[in-house]
Amino acid sequence: MKNFLYKWLPIVFGCHCRDDRSFHYKGEKFPICARCTGELVGIIFSIFSCFFFKISILAIVILMLPLILDGGIQMFTSYESNNFKRFVTGLLFGYGLFMFIAVSTVATFKFGQHMGYNILK
């Protein structure tokens, strides 16, 4: 299982796996960086919470903005984020990303259902 995660998580998340931007546990580096770890935790959390909470598109965009700002500023300036900020922004982004997928899937289904009813009339 460990070999599977270390091989596929970086591919799925498109992770750079830099040692200095990754968490370590008992001297061993996580398979993905701190930001991608946060995204993974956010996605897992949102999978379970999407059945209980409804969230607006505006709230989803707001959840995704911190990662875009933190990563963008870090990419284009000399600013260097830390692993805690990377994890938190990844967590918010992962939660927002899955909720966006869930909301858009439901909306697409409802739209198709509505169109189907109109065709049958």
PDB file of N, CA and C in Angstrom:
ATOM      1  N   MET A   1       0.830  -1.201   0.000  1.00  0.00           N
ATOM      2  CA  MET A   1       0.000   0.000   0.000  1.00  0.00           C
ATOM      3  C   MET A   1       0.871   1.260   0.000  1.00  0.00           C
ATOM      4  N   LYS A   2       1.938   1.219   0.807  1.00  0.00           N
ATOM      5  CA  LYS A   2       2.821   2.375   0.903  1.00  0.00           C
ATOM      6  C   LYS A   2       3.448   2.694  -0.458  1.00  0.00           C
ATOM      7  N   ASN A   3       3.940   1.667  -1.146  1.00  0.00           N
ATOM      8  CA  ASN A   3       4.550   1.886  -2.459  1.00  0.00           C
ATOM      9  C   ASN A   3       3.540   2.454  -3.449  1.00  0.00           C
ATOM     10  N   PHE A   4       2.306   1.978  -3.369  1.00  0.00           N
ATOM     11  CA  PHE A   4       1.238   2.472  -4.238  1.00  0.00           C
ATOM     12  C   PHE A   4       1.006   3.963  -4.003  1.00  0.00           C
ATOM     13  N   LEU A   5       0.895   4.360  -2.722  1.00  0.00           N
ATOM     14  CA  LEU A   5       0.656   5.771  -2.392  1.00  0.00           C
ATOM     15  C   LEU A   5       1.825   6.650  -2.814  1.00  0.00           C
ATOM     16  N   TYR A   6       3.049   6.191  -2.572  1.00  0.00           N
ATOM     17  CA  TYR A   6       4.221   6.983  -2.933  1.00  0.00           C
ATOM     18  C   TYR A   6       4.381   7.105  -4.446  1.00  0.00           C
ATOM     19  N   LYS A   7       3.847   6.147  -5.177  1.00  0.00           N
ATOM     20  CA  LYS A   7       3.931   6.223  -6.632  1.00  0.00           C
ATOM     21  C   LYS A   7       2.810   7.084  -7.213  1.00  0.00           C
ATOM     22  N   TRP A   8       1.555   6.870  -6.768  1.00  0.00           N
ATOM     23  CA  TRP A   8       0.409   7.459  -7.436  1.00  0.00           C
ATOM     24  C   TRP A   8      -0.053   8.798  -6.889  1.00  0.00           C
ATOM     25  N   LEU A   9       0.105   9.062  -5.594  1.00  0.00           N
ATOM     26  CA  LEU A   9      -0.343  10.362  -5.070  1.00  0.00           C
ATOM     27  C   LEU A   9       0.346  11.541  -5.764  1.00  0.00           C
ATOM     28  N   PRO A  10       1.679  11.498  -5.962  1.00  0.00           N
ATOM     29  CA  PRO A  10       2.299  12.627  -6.679  1.00  0.00           C
ATOM     30  C   PRO A  10       1.783  12.789  -8.109  1.00  0.00           C
ATOM     31  N   ILE A  11       1.445  11.688  -8.753  1.00  0.00           N
ATOM     32  CA  ILE A  11       0.932  11.761 -10.122  1.00  0.00           C
ATOM     33  C   ILE A  11      -0.472  12.363 -10.132  1.00  0.00           C
ATOM     34  N   VAL A  12      -1.336  11.885  -9.242  1.00  0.00           N
ATOM     35  CA  VAL A  12      -2.720  12.366  -9.181  1.00  0.00           C
ATOM     36  C   VAL A  12      -2.774  13.855  -8.851  1.00  0.00           C
ATOM     37  N   PHE A  13      -1.922  14.296  -7.919  1.00  0.00           N
ATOM     38  CA  PHE A  13      -1.948  15.694  -7.489  1.00  0.00           C
ATOM     39  C   PHE A  13      -1.021  16.589  -8.305  1.00  0.00           C
ATOM     40  N   GLY A  14      -0.219  16.024  -9.182  1.00  0.00           N
ATOM     41  CA  GLY A  14       0.738  16.822  -9.938  1.00  0.00           C
ATOM     42  C   GLY A  14       1.755  17.476  -9.018  1.00  0.00           C
ATOM     43  N   CYS A  15       2.177  16.743  -8.003  1.00  0.00           N
ATOM     44  CA  CYS A  15       3.012  17.297  -6.934  1.00  0.00           C
ATOM     45  C   CYS A  15       4.494  17.305  -7.306  1.00  0.00           C
ATOM     46  N   HIS A  16       5.186  18.363  -6.894  1.00  0.00           N
ATOM     47  CA  HIS A  16       6.622  18.470  -7.119  1.00  0.00           C
ATOM     48  C   HIS A  16       7.420  17.651  -6.110  1.00  0.00           C
ATOM     49  N   CYS A  17       6.821  17.314  -4.972  1.00  0.00           N
ATOM     50  CA  CYS A  17       7.422  16.458  -3.926  1.00  0.00           C
ATOM     51  C   CYS A  17       8.743  17.002  -3.381  1.00  0.00           C
ATOM     52  N   ARG A  18       8.880  18.312  -3.327  1.00  0.00           N
ATOM     53  CA  ARG A  18      10.116  18.881  -2.788  1.00  0.00           C
ATOM     54  C   ARG A  18      10.245  18.554  -1.308  1.00  0.00           C
ATOM     55  N   ASP A  19      11.428  18.140  -0.908  1.00  0.00           N
ATOM     56  CA  ASP A  19      11.683  17.732   0.470  1.00  0.00           C
ATOM     57  C   ASP A  19      11.447  18.876   1.455  1.00  0.00           C
ATOM     58  N   ASP A  20      11.880  20.082   1.092  1.00  0.00           N
ATOM     59  CA  ASP A  20      11.741  21.225   2.001  1.00  0.00           C
ATOM     60  C   ASP A  20      10.296  21.716   2.118  1.00  0.00           C
ATOM     61  N   ARG A  21       9.426  21.286   1.236  1.00  0.00           N
ATOM     62  CA  ARG A  21       8.020  21.697   1.285  1.00  0.00           C
ATOM     63  C   ARG A  21       7.098  20.526   1.634  1.00  0.00           C
ATOM     64  N   SER A  22       7.667  19.493   2.226  1.00  0.00           N
ATOM     65  CA  SER A  22       6.894  18.307   2.595  1.00  0.00           C
ATOM     66  C   SER A  22       6.972  18.071   4.089  1.00  0.00           C
ATOM     67  N   PHE A  23       5.949  17.420   4.616  1.00  0.00           N
ATOM     68  CA  PHE A  23       5.970  17.008   6.011  1.00  0.00           C
ATOM     69  C   PHE A  23       6.800  15.739   6.137  1.00  0.00           C
ATOM     70  N   HIS A  24       7.367  15.554   7.326  1.00  0.00           N
ATOM     71  CA  HIS A  24       8.128  14.346   7.635  1.00  0.00           C
ATOM     72  C   HIS A  24       7.563  13.737   8.910  1.00  0.00           C
ATOM     73  N   TYR A  25       7.516  12.422   8.957  1.00  0.00           N
ATOM     74  CA  TYR A  25       7.059  11.713  10.153  1.00  0.00           C
ATOM     75  C   TYR A  25       8.044  10.587  10.430  1.00  0.00           C
ATOM     76  N   LYS A  26       8.630  10.620  11.612  1.00  0.00           N
ATOM     77  CA  LYS A  26       9.648   9.639  12.017  1.00  0.00           C
ATOM     78  C   LYS A  26      10.762   9.548  10.980  1.00  0.00           C
ATOM     79  N   GLY A  27      11.179  10.713  10.491  1.00  0.00           N
ATOM     80  CA  GLY A  27      12.283  10.786   9.547  1.00  0.00           C
ATOM     81  C   GLY A  27      11.937  10.430   8.111  1.00  0.00           C
ATOM     82  N   GLU A  28      10.684  10.124   7.837  1.00  0.00           N
ATOM     83  CA  GLU A  28      10.291   9.761   6.480  1.00  0.00           C
ATOM     84  C   GLU A  28       9.388  10.835   5.883  1.00  0.00           C
ATOM     85  N   LYS A  29       9.709  11.207   4.648  1.00  0.00           N
ATOM     86  CA  LYS A  29       8.964  12.253   3.945  1.00  0.00           C
ATOM     87  C   LYS A  29       7.615  11.716   3.487  1.00  0.00           C
ATOM     88  N   PHE A  30       6.584  12.573   3.598  1.00  0.00           N
ATOM     89  CA  PHE A  30       5.263  12.229   3.071  1.00  0.00           C
ATOM     90  C   PHE A  30       5.364  12.081   1.549  1.00  0.00           C
ATOM     91  N   PRO A  31       4.467  11.315   0.933  1.00  0.00           N
ATOM     92  CA  PRO A  31       4.545  11.111  -0.519  1.00  0.00           C
ATOM     93  C   PRO A  31       4.225  12.360  -1.340  1.00  0.00           C
ATOM     94  N   ILE A  32       3.541  13.335  -0.732  1.00  0.00           N
ATOM     95  CA  ILE A  32       3.218  14.582  -1.425  1.00  0.00           C
ATOM     96  C   ILE A  32       3.565  15.759  -0.517  1.00  0.00           C
ATOM     97  N   CYS A  33       3.693  16.935  -1.090  1.00  0.00           N
ATOM     98  CA  CYS A  33       4.087  18.126  -0.333  1.00  0.00           C
ATOM     99  C   CYS A  33       2.983  18.559   0.634  1.00  0.00           C
ATOM    100  N   ALA A  34       3.286  19.551   1.452  1.00  0.00           N
ATOM    101  CA  ALA A  34       2.344  20.029   2.470  1.00  0.00           C
ATOM    102  C   ALA A  34       1.057  20.558   1.841  1.00  0.00           C
ATOM    103  N   ARG A  35       1.173  21.294   0.745  1.00  0.00           N
ATOM    104  CA  ARG A  35      -0.014  21.862   0.096  1.00  0.00           C
ATOM    105  C   ARG A  35      -0.901  20.750  -0.478  1.00  0.00           C
ATOM    106  N   CYS A  36      -0.297  19.777  -1.127  1.00  0.00           N
ATOM    107  CA  CYS A  36      -1.070  18.660  -1.686  1.00  0.00           C
ATOM    108  C   CYS A  36      -1.645  17.778  -0.581  1.00  0.00           C
ATOM    109  N   THR A  37      -0.923  17.657   0.539  1.00  0.00           N
ATOM    110  CA  THR A  37      -1.456  16.921   1.687  1.00  0.00           C
ATOM    111  C   THR A  37      -2.718  17.612   2.191  1.00  0.00           C
ATOM    112  N   GLY A  38      -2.682  18.937   2.273  1.00  0.00           N
ATOM    113  CA  GLY A  38      -3.865  19.699   2.667  1.00  0.00           C
ATOM    114  C   GLY A  38      -5.011  19.502   1.691  1.00  0.00           C
ATOM    115  N   GLU A  39      -4.702  19.506   0.394  1.00  0.00           N
ATOM    116  CA  GLU A  39      -5.744  19.281  -0.611  1.00  0.00           C
ATOM    117  C   GLU A  39      -6.380  17.905  -0.427  1.00  0.00           C
ATOM    118  N   LEU A  40      -5.554  16.895  -0.181  1.00  0.00           N
ATOM    119  CA  LEU A  40      -6.064  15.539   0.021  1.00  0.00           C
ATOM    120  C   LEU A  40      -6.982  15.468   1.237  1.00  0.00           C
ATOM    121  N   VAL A  41      -6.564  16.072   2.339  1.00  0.00           N
ATOM    122  CA  VAL A  41      -7.390  16.090   3.555  1.00  0.00           C
ATOM    123  C   VAL A  41      -8.693  16.854   3.295  1.00  0.00           C
ATOM    124  N   GLY A  42      -8.612  17.984   2.591  1.00  0.00           N
ATOM    125  CA  GLY A  42      -9.806  18.762   2.263  1.00  0.00           C
ATOM    126  C   GLY A  42     -10.776  17.989   1.387  1.00  0.00           C
ATOM    127  N   ILE A  43     -10.254  17.265   0.412  1.00  0.00           N
ATOM    128  CA  ILE A  43     -11.105  16.459  -0.465  1.00  0.00           C
ATOM    129  C   ILE A  43     -11.788  15.351   0.331  1.00  0.00           C
ATOM    130  N   ILE A  44     -11.018  14.663   1.173  1.00  0.00           N
ATOM    131  CA  ILE A  44     -11.597  13.585   1.991  1.00  0.00           C
ATOM    132  C   ILE A  44     -12.676  14.141   2.911  1.00  0.00           C
ATOM    133  N   PHE A  45     -12.399  15.274   3.553  1.00  0.00           N
ATOM    134  CA  PHE A  45     -13.383  15.889   4.449  1.00  0.00           C
ATOM    135  C   PHE A  45     -14.643  16.295   3.690  1.00  0.00           C
ATOM    136  N   SER A  46     -14.474  16.854   2.505  1.00  0.00           N
ATOM    137  CA  SER A  46     -15.638  17.325   1.742  1.00  0.00           C
ATOM    138  C   SER A  46     -16.477  16.174   1.201  1.00  0.00           C
ATOM    139  N   ILE A  47     -15.862  15.037   0.928  1.00  0.00           N
ATOM    140  CA  ILE A  47     -16.618  13.873   0.460  1.00  0.00           C
ATOM    141  C   ILE A  47     -17.667  13.488   1.493  1.00  0.00           C
ATOM    142  N   PHE A  48     -17.287  13.545   2.764  1.00  0.00           N
ATOM    143  CA  PHE A  48     -18.223  13.183   3.826  1.00  0.00           C
ATOM    144  C   PHE A  48     -19.184  14.318   4.176  1.00  0.00           C
ATOM    145  N   SER A  49     -18.709  15.554   4.111  1.00  0.00           N
ATOM    146  CA  SER A  49     -19.560  16.670   4.540  1.00  0.00           C
ATOM    147  C   SER A  49     -20.514  17.166   3.460  1.00  0.00           C
ATOM    148  N   CYS A  50     -20.265  16.829   2.196  1.00  0.00           N
ATOM    149  CA  CYS A  50     -21.126  17.356   1.122  1.00  0.00           C
ATOM    150  C   CYS A  50     -22.560  16.846   1.222  1.00  0.00           C
ATOM    151  N   PHE A  51     -22.774  15.768   1.943  1.00  0.00           N
ATOM    152  CA  PHE A  51     -24.132  15.245   2.117  1.00  0.00           C
ATOM    153  C   PHE A  51     -24.910  16.016   3.181  1.00  0.00           C
ATOM    154  N   PHE A  52     -24.191  16.755   4.024  1.00  0.00           N
ATOM    155  CA  PHE A  52     -24.823  17.455   5.140  1.00  0.00           C
ATOM    156  C   PHE A  52     -24.858  18.967   4.973  1.00  0.00           C
ATOM    157  N   PHE A  53     -23.934  19.517   4.172  1.00  0.00           N
ATOM    158  CA  PHE A  53     -23.827  20.964   4.017  1.00  0.00           C
ATOM    159  C   PHE A  53     -23.961  21.345   2.555  1.00  0.00           C
ATOM    160  N   LYS A  54     -24.737  22.354   2.298  1.00  0.00           N
ATOM    161  CA  LYS A  54     -24.830  22.936   0.960  1.00  0.00           C
ATOM    162  C   LYS A  54     -24.020  24.227   0.985  1.00  0.00           C
ATOM    163  N   ILE A  55     -23.290  24.485  -0.081  1.00  0.00           N
ATOM    164  CA  ILE A  55     -22.391  25.635  -0.115  1.00  0.00           C
ATOM    165  C   ILE A  55     -22.576  26.364  -1.445  1.00  0.00           C
ATOM    166  N   SER A  56     -22.523  27.677  -1.392  1.00  0.00           N
ATOM    167  CA  SER A  56     -22.726  28.479  -2.605  1.00  0.00           C
ATOM    168  C   SER A  56     -21.444  28.531  -3.439  1.00  0.00           C
ATOM    169  N   ILE A  57     -21.608  28.873  -4.697  1.00  0.00           N
ATOM    170  CA  ILE A  57     -20.453  29.020  -5.589  1.00  0.00           C
ATOM    171  C   ILE A  57     -19.530  30.122  -5.080  1.00  0.00           C
ATOM    172  N   LEU A  58     -20.091  31.202  -4.561  1.00  0.00           N
ATOM    173  CA  LEU A  58     -19.277  32.290  -4.011  1.00  0.00           C
ATOM    174  C   LEU A  58     -18.409  31.784  -2.860  1.00  0.00           C
ATOM    175  N   ALA A  59     -18.988  30.995  -1.968  1.00  0.00           N
ATOM    176  CA  ALA A  59     -18.223  30.439  -0.848  1.00  0.00           C
ATOM    177  C   ALA A  59     -17.125  29.506  -1.352  1.00  0.00           C
ATOM    178  N   ILE A  60     -17.417  28.755  -2.390  1.00  0.00           N
ATOM    179  CA  ILE A  60     -16.415  27.854  -2.971  1.00  0.00           C
ATOM    180  C   ILE A  60     -15.241  28.655  -3.522  1.00  0.00           C
ATOM    181  N   VAL A  61     -15.531  29.723  -4.243  1.00  0.00           N
ATOM    182  CA  VAL A  61     -14.471  30.577  -4.797  1.00  0.00           C
ATOM    183  C   VAL A  61     -13.635  31.185  -3.672  1.00  0.00           C
ATOM    184  N   ILE A  62     -14.297  31.634  -2.617  1.00  0.00           N
ATOM    185  CA  ILE A  62     -13.584  32.217  -1.474  1.00  0.00           C
ATOM    186  C   ILE A  62     -12.681  31.172  -0.819  1.00  0.00           C
ATOM    187  N   LEU A  63     -13.138  29.928  -0.729  1.00  0.00           N
ATOM    188  CA  LEU A  63     -12.312  28.865  -0.158  1.00  0.00           C
ATOM    189  C   LEU A  63     -11.077  28.581  -1.013  1.00  0.00           C
ATOM    190  N   MET A  64     -11.200  28.751  -2.318  1.00  0.00           N
ATOM    191  CA  MET A  64     -10.098  28.428  -3.220  1.00  0.00           C
ATOM    192  C   MET A  64      -9.093  29.571  -3.382  1.00  0.00           C
ATOM    193  N   LEU A  65      -9.496  30.787  -3.077  1.00  0.00           N
ATOM    194  CA  LEU A  65      -8.622  31.953  -3.276  1.00  0.00           C
ATOM    195  C   LEU A  65      -7.321  31.939  -2.467  1.00  0.00           C
ATOM    196  N   PRO A  66      -7.326  31.534  -1.195  1.00  0.00           N
ATOM    197  CA  PRO A  66      -6.067  31.592  -0.439  1.00  0.00           C
ATOM    198  C   PRO A  66      -4.924  30.802  -1.078  1.00  0.00           C
ATOM    199  N   LEU A  67      -5.206  29.622  -1.613  1.00  0.00           N
ATOM    200  CA  LEU A  67      -4.152  28.847  -2.270  1.00  0.00           C
ATOM    201  C   LEU A  67      -3.661  29.560  -3.516  1.00  0.00           C
ATOM    202  N   ILE A  68      -4.588  30.086  -4.292  1.00  0.00           N
ATOM    203  CA  ILE A  68      -4.207  30.780  -5.517  1.00  0.00           C
ATOM    204  C   ILE A  68      -3.334  31.987  -5.186  1.00  0.00           C
ATOM    205  N   LEU A  69      -3.715  32.738  -4.166  1.00  0.00           N
ATOM    206  CA  LEU A  69      -2.923  33.908  -3.765  1.00  0.00           C
ATOM    207  C   LEU A  69      -1.576  33.505  -3.181  1.00  0.00           C
ATOM    208  N   ASP A  70      -1.574  32.566  -2.233  1.00  0.00           N
ATOM    209  CA  ASP A  70      -0.332  32.149  -1.582  1.00  0.00           C
ATOM    210  C   ASP A  70       0.638  31.536  -2.591  1.00  0.00           C
ATOM    211  N   GLY A  71       0.136  30.625  -3.413  1.00  0.00           N
ATOM    212  CA  GLY A  71       0.991  29.993  -4.417  1.00  0.00           C
ATOM    213  C   GLY A  71       1.445  30.961  -5.490  1.00  0.00           C
ATOM    214  N   GLY A  72       0.534  31.831  -5.926  1.00  0.00           N
ATOM    215  CA  GLY A  72       0.880  32.804  -6.962  1.00  0.00           C
ATOM    216  C   GLY A  72       1.902  33.821  -6.492  1.00  0.00           C
ATOM    217  N   ILE A  73       1.690  34.351  -5.289  1.00  0.00           N
ATOM    218  CA  ILE A  73       2.646  35.318  -4.739  1.00  0.00           C
ATOM    219  C   ILE A  73       4.003  34.652  -4.549  1.00  0.00           C
ATOM    220  N   GLN A  74       4.000  33.422  -4.068  1.00  0.00           N
ATOM    221  CA  GLN A  74       5.259  32.705  -3.859  1.00  0.00           C
ATOM    222  C   GLN A  74       5.966  32.434  -5.183  1.00  0.00           C
ATOM    223  N   MET A  75       5.191  32.147  -6.225  1.00  0.00           N
ATOM    224  CA  MET A  75       5.786  31.831  -7.519  1.00  0.00           C
ATOM    225  C   MET A  75       6.415  33.062  -8.182  1.00  0.00           C
ATOM    226  N   PHE A  76       5.774  34.218  -8.020  1.00  0.00           N
ATOM    227  CA  PHE A  76       6.208  35.392  -8.770  1.00  0.00           C
ATOM    228  C   PHE A  76       6.984  36.428  -7.959  1.00  0.00           C
ATOM    229  N   THR A  77       7.178  36.191  -6.669  1.00  0.00           N
ATOM    230  CA  THR A  77       7.955  37.115  -5.838  1.00  0.00           C
ATOM    231  C   THR A  77       8.963  36.321  -5.008  1.00  0.00           C
ATOM    232  N   SER A  78       9.679  37.022  -4.156  1.00  0.00           N
ATOM    233  CA  SER A  78      10.650  36.353  -3.283  1.00  0.00           C
ATOM    234  C   SER A  78      10.006  35.835  -1.996  1.00  0.00           C
ATOM    235  N   TYR A  79       8.690  36.049  -1.841  1.00  0.00           N
ATOM    236  CA  TYR A  79       7.966  35.568  -0.655  1.00  0.00           C
ATOM    237  C   TYR A  79       8.063  34.048  -0.561  1.00  0.00           C
ATOM    238  N   GLU A  80       8.337  33.557   0.627  1.00  0.00           N
ATOM    239  CA  GLU A  80       8.405  32.113   0.860  1.00  0.00           C
ATOM    240  C   GLU A  80       7.392  31.736   1.933  1.00  0.00           C
ATOM    241  N   SER A  81       6.418  30.946   1.564  1.00  0.00           N
ATOM    242  CA  SER A  81       5.399  30.480   2.500  1.00  0.00           C
ATOM    243  C   SER A  81       6.012  29.418   3.416  1.00  0.00           C
ATOM    244  N   ASN A  82       5.254  28.992   4.429  1.00  0.00           N
ATOM    245  CA  ASN A  82       5.737  27.885   5.265  1.00  0.00           C
ATOM    246  C   ASN A  82       4.775  26.708   5.129  1.00  0.00           C
ATOM    247  N   ASN A  83       5.179  25.561   5.646  1.00  0.00           N
ATOM    248  CA  ASN A  83       4.380  24.353   5.451  1.00  0.00           C
ATOM    249  C   ASN A  83       3.011  24.428   6.119  1.00  0.00           C
ATOM    250  N   PHE A  84       2.895  25.152   7.229  1.00  0.00           N
ATOM    251  CA  PHE A  84       1.586  25.288   7.871  1.00  0.00           C
ATOM    252  C   PHE A  84       0.629  26.055   6.959  1.00  0.00           C
ATOM    253  N   LYS A  85       1.091  27.186   6.399  1.00  0.00           N
ATOM    254  CA  LYS A  85       0.247  27.961   5.474  1.00  0.00           C
ATOM    255  C   LYS A  85      -0.087  27.142   4.233  1.00  0.00           C
ATOM    256  N   ARG A  86       0.894  26.397   3.738  1.00  0.00           N
ATOM    257  CA  ARG A  86       0.649  25.565   2.559  1.00  0.00           C
ATOM    258  C   ARG A  86      -0.420  24.518   2.852  1.00  0.00           C
ATOM    259  N   PHE A  87      -0.334  23.895   4.030  1.00  0.00           N
ATOM    260  CA  PHE A  87      -1.321  22.879   4.398  1.00  0.00           C
ATOM    261  C   PHE A  87      -2.719  23.485   4.516  1.00  0.00           C
ATOM    262  N   VAL A  88      -2.822  24.622   5.212  1.00  0.00           N
ATOM    263  CA  VAL A  88      -4.135  25.254   5.421  1.00  0.00           C
ATOM    264  C   VAL A  88      -4.737  25.715   4.095  1.00  0.00           C
ATOM    265  N   THR A  89      -3.937  26.356   3.245  1.00  0.00           N
ATOM    266  CA  THR A  89      -4.477  26.804   1.956  1.00  0.00           C
ATOM    267  C   THR A  89      -4.848  25.607   1.084  1.00  0.00           C
ATOM    268  N   GLY A  90      -4.063  24.536   1.156  1.00  0.00           N
ATOM    269  CA  GLY A  90      -4.398  23.312   0.427  1.00  0.00           C
ATOM    270  C   GLY A  90      -5.681  22.678   0.935  1.00  0.00           C
ATOM    271  N   LEU A  91      -5.868  22.685   2.254  1.00  0.00           N
ATOM    272  CA  LEU A  91      -7.079  22.138   2.874  1.00  0.00           C
ATOM    273  C   LEU A  91      -8.319  22.880   2.376  1.00  0.00           C
ATOM    274  N   LEU A  92      -8.261  24.207   2.411  1.00  0.00           N
ATOM    275  CA  LEU A  92      -9.391  25.016   1.942  1.00  0.00           C
ATOM    276  C   LEU A  92      -9.655  24.783   0.453  1.00  0.00           C
ATOM    277  N   PHE A  93      -8.580  24.740  -0.324  1.00  0.00           N
ATOM    278  CA  PHE A  93      -8.712  24.539  -1.767  1.00  0.00           C
ATOM    279  C   PHE A  93      -9.293  23.159  -2.074  1.00  0.00           C
ATOM    280  N   GLY A  94      -8.779  22.126  -1.409  1.00  0.00           N
ATOM    281  CA  GLY A  94      -9.280  20.769  -1.636  1.00  0.00           C
ATOM    282  C   GLY A  94     -10.749  20.646  -1.299  1.00  0.00           C
ATOM    283  N   TYR A  95     -11.148  21.263  -0.179  1.00  0.00           N
ATOM    284  CA  TYR A  95     -12.557  21.247   0.210  1.00  0.00           C
ATOM    285  C   TYR A  95     -13.396  21.965  -0.848  1.00  0.00           C
ATOM    286  N   GLY A  96     -12.953  23.153  -1.251  1.00  0.00           N
ATOM    287  CA  GLY A  96     -13.683  23.924  -2.257  1.00  0.00           C
ATOM    288  C   GLY A  96     -13.725  23.227  -3.606  1.00  0.00           C
ATOM    289  N   LEU A  97     -12.629  22.596  -3.987  1.00  0.00           N
ATOM    290  CA  LEU A  97     -12.565  21.915  -5.282  1.00  0.00           C
ATOM    291  C   LEU A  97     -13.579  20.778  -5.363  1.00  0.00           C
ATOM    292  N   PHE A  98     -13.606  19.934  -4.343  1.00  0.00           N
ATOM    293  CA  PHE A  98     -14.562  18.826  -4.392  1.00  0.00           C
ATOM    294  C   PHE A  98     -15.994  19.333  -4.306  1.00  0.00           C
ATOM    295  N   MET A  99     -16.222  20.350  -3.490  1.00  0.00           N
ATOM    296  CA  MET A  99     -17.576  20.906  -3.394  1.00  0.00           C
ATOM    297  C   MET A  99     -17.999  21.510  -4.735  1.00  0.00           C
ATOM    298  N   PHE A 100     -17.063  22.139  -5.444  1.00  0.00           N
ATOM    299  CA  PHE A 100     -17.359  22.668  -6.779  1.00  0.00           C
ATOM    300  C   PHE A 100     -17.757  21.535  -7.720  1.00  0.00           C
ATOM    301  N   ILE A 101     -17.013  20.444  -7.675  1.00  0.00           N
ATOM    302  CA  ILE A 101     -17.333  19.286  -8.515  1.00  0.00           C
ATOM    303  C   ILE A 101     -18.711  18.737  -8.150  1.00  0.00           C
ATOM    304  N   ALA A 102     -18.997  18.632  -6.857  1.00  0.00           N
ATOM    305  CA  ALA A 102     -20.295  18.108  -6.407  1.00  0.00           C
ATOM    306  C   ALA A 102     -21.436  19.028  -6.834  1.00  0.00           C
ATOM    307  N   VAL A 103     -21.285  20.333  -6.603  1.00  0.00           N
ATOM    308  CA  VAL A 103     -22.334  21.299  -6.951  1.00  0.00           C
ATOM    309  C   VAL A 103     -22.564  21.316  -8.459  1.00  0.00           C
ATOM    310  N   SER A 104     -21.494  21.317  -9.239  1.00  0.00           N
ATOM    311  CA  SER A 104     -21.659  21.370 -10.695  1.00  0.00           C
ATOM    312  C   SER A 104     -22.226  20.059 -11.242  1.00  0.00           C
ATOM    313  N   THR A 105     -21.901  18.935 -10.621  1.00  0.00           N
ATOM    314  CA  THR A 105     -22.477  17.657 -11.049  1.00  0.00           C
ATOM    315  C   THR A 105     -23.983  17.634 -10.797  1.00  0.00           C
ATOM    316  N   VAL A 106     -24.397  18.078  -9.624  1.00  0.00           N
ATOM    317  CA  VAL A 106     -25.828  18.130  -9.295  1.00  0.00           C
ATOM    318  C   VAL A 106     -26.547  19.101 -10.231  1.00  0.00           C
ATOM    319  N   ALA A 107     -25.951  20.269 -10.470  1.00  0.00           N
ATOM    320  CA  ALA A 107     -26.577  21.262 -11.354  1.00  0.00           C
ATOM    321  C   ALA A 107     -26.703  20.723 -12.777  1.00  0.00           C
ATOM    322  N   THR A 108     -25.682  20.032 -13.253  1.00  0.00           N
ATOM    323  CA  THR A 108     -25.724  19.458 -14.598  1.00  0.00           C
ATOM    324  C   THR A 108     -26.802  18.386 -14.698  1.00  0.00           C
ATOM    325  N   PHE A 109     -26.902  17.559 -13.667  1.00  0.00           N
ATOM    326  CA  PHE A 109     -27.940  16.529 -13.647  1.00  0.00           C
ATOM    327  C   PHE A 109     -29.328  17.159 -13.679  1.00  0.00           C
ATOM    328  N   LYS A 110     -29.535  18.173 -12.833  1.00  0.00           N
ATOM    329  CA  LYS A 110     -30.846  18.830 -12.785  1.00  0.00           C
ATOM    330  C   LYS A 110     -31.179  19.514 -14.111  1.00  0.00           C
ATOM    331  N   PHE A 111     -30.166  20.128 -14.738  1.00  0.00           N
ATOM    332  CA  PHE A 111     -30.383  20.768 -16.030  1.00  0.00           C
ATOM    333  C   PHE A 111     -30.778  19.730 -17.079  1.00  0.00           C
ATOM    334  N   GLY A 112     -30.064  18.616 -17.113  1.00  0.00           N
ATOM    335  CA  GLY A 112     -30.390  17.551 -18.060  1.00  0.00           C
ATOM    336  C   GLY A 112     -31.767  16.974 -17.806  1.00  0.00           C
ATOM    337  N   GLN A 113     -32.118  16.828 -16.550  1.00  0.00           N
ATOM    338  CA  GLN A 113     -33.441  16.323 -16.186  1.00  0.00           C
ATOM    339  C   GLN A 113     -34.530  17.290 -16.659  1.00  0.00           C
ATOM    340  N   HIS A 114     -34.300  18.572 -16.450  1.00  0.00           N
ATOM    341  CA  HIS A 114     -35.249  19.603 -16.883  1.00  0.00           C
ATOM    342  C   HIS A 114     -35.403  19.584 -18.409  1.00  0.00           C
ATOM    343  N   MET A 115     -34.277  19.478 -19.109  1.00  0.00           N
ATOM    344  CA  MET A 115     -34.329  19.442 -20.575  1.00  0.00           C
ATOM    345  C   MET A 115     -35.070  18.199 -21.057  1.00  0.00           C
ATOM    346  N   GLY A 116     -34.860  17.081 -20.382  1.00  0.00           N
ATOM    347  CA  GLY A 116     -35.545  15.842 -20.754  1.00  0.00           C
ATOM    348  C   GLY A 116     -37.044  15.946 -20.564  1.00  0.00           C
ATOM    349  N   TYR A 117     -37.466  16.578 -19.472  1.00  0.00           N
ATOM    350  CA  TYR A 117     -38.900  16.766 -19.240  1.00  0.00           C
ATOM    351  C   TYR A 117     -39.512  17.660 -20.313  1.00  0.00           C
ATOM    352  N   ASN A 118     -38.778  18.690 -20.739  1.00  0.00           N
ATOM    353  CA  ASN A 118     -39.291  19.592 -21.775  1.00  0.00           C
ATOM    354  C   ASN A 118     -39.424  18.883 -23.118  1.00  0.00           C
ATOM    355  N   ILE A 119     -38.543  17.961 -23.403  1.00  0.00           N
ATOM    356  CA  ILE A 119     -38.617  17.216 -24.665  1.00  0.00           C
ATOM    357  C   ILE A 119     -39.845  16.313 -24.674  1.00  0.00           C
ATOM    358  N   LEU A 120     -40.158  15.737 -23.520  1.00  0.00           N
ATOM    359  CA  LEU A 120     -41.283  14.801 -23.434  1.00  0.00           C
ATOM    360  C   LEU A 120     -42.638  15.484 -23.459  1.00  0.00           C
ATOM    361  N   LYS A 121     -42.689  16.778 -23.248  1.00  0.00           N
ATOM    362  CA  LYS A 121     -43.974  17.500 -23.219  1.00  0.00           C
ATOM    363  C   LYS A 121     -44.546  17.664 -24.592  1.00  0.00           C
TER     364      LYS A 121
END
